[in-house]
Amino acid sequence: MKKGIHPQFYNDAVTLDNSSGVKFVIGSTVKEMSVEISSLTHPFYTGKQRIVDTDNLVEKFEKRRAKVNLDIISQRKAKKVARNKSSVTQVEQKQALTLKDMLKQIR
């Protein structure tokens, strides 16, 4: 290996897992580092579902959702369902006409 072109390697580099607060020692080119999630807390390795919310996104979403009036939403849904039902019945009525009925309408 050429001298002077490779970064310094630390065998005793300390890594801090911010989600659990656990420190562990690994080899790295950085003396100290912190990570948001590691293999100690990642759901793939632990088998447990866990929400890692570093920017409080879940809290922000819940606050926005609490502001919405649920009565308004249910009224809108009811109107939409009623509108869809009426359009279906109109289509069904048009399809129910026979050739004989259509000729009667023309005359």
Foldseek 3Di string as FASTA:
>chain_A
DDPPPDADKDQFAWEAAVVVRDIDGGIDSDRYYYDPHDLVRDCVNVVDDDDRDPPCPVVVVVVVVVPDDVVVVVVVVVVVVVVVVVVVVVVVVVVPDDPVNVVVVVD
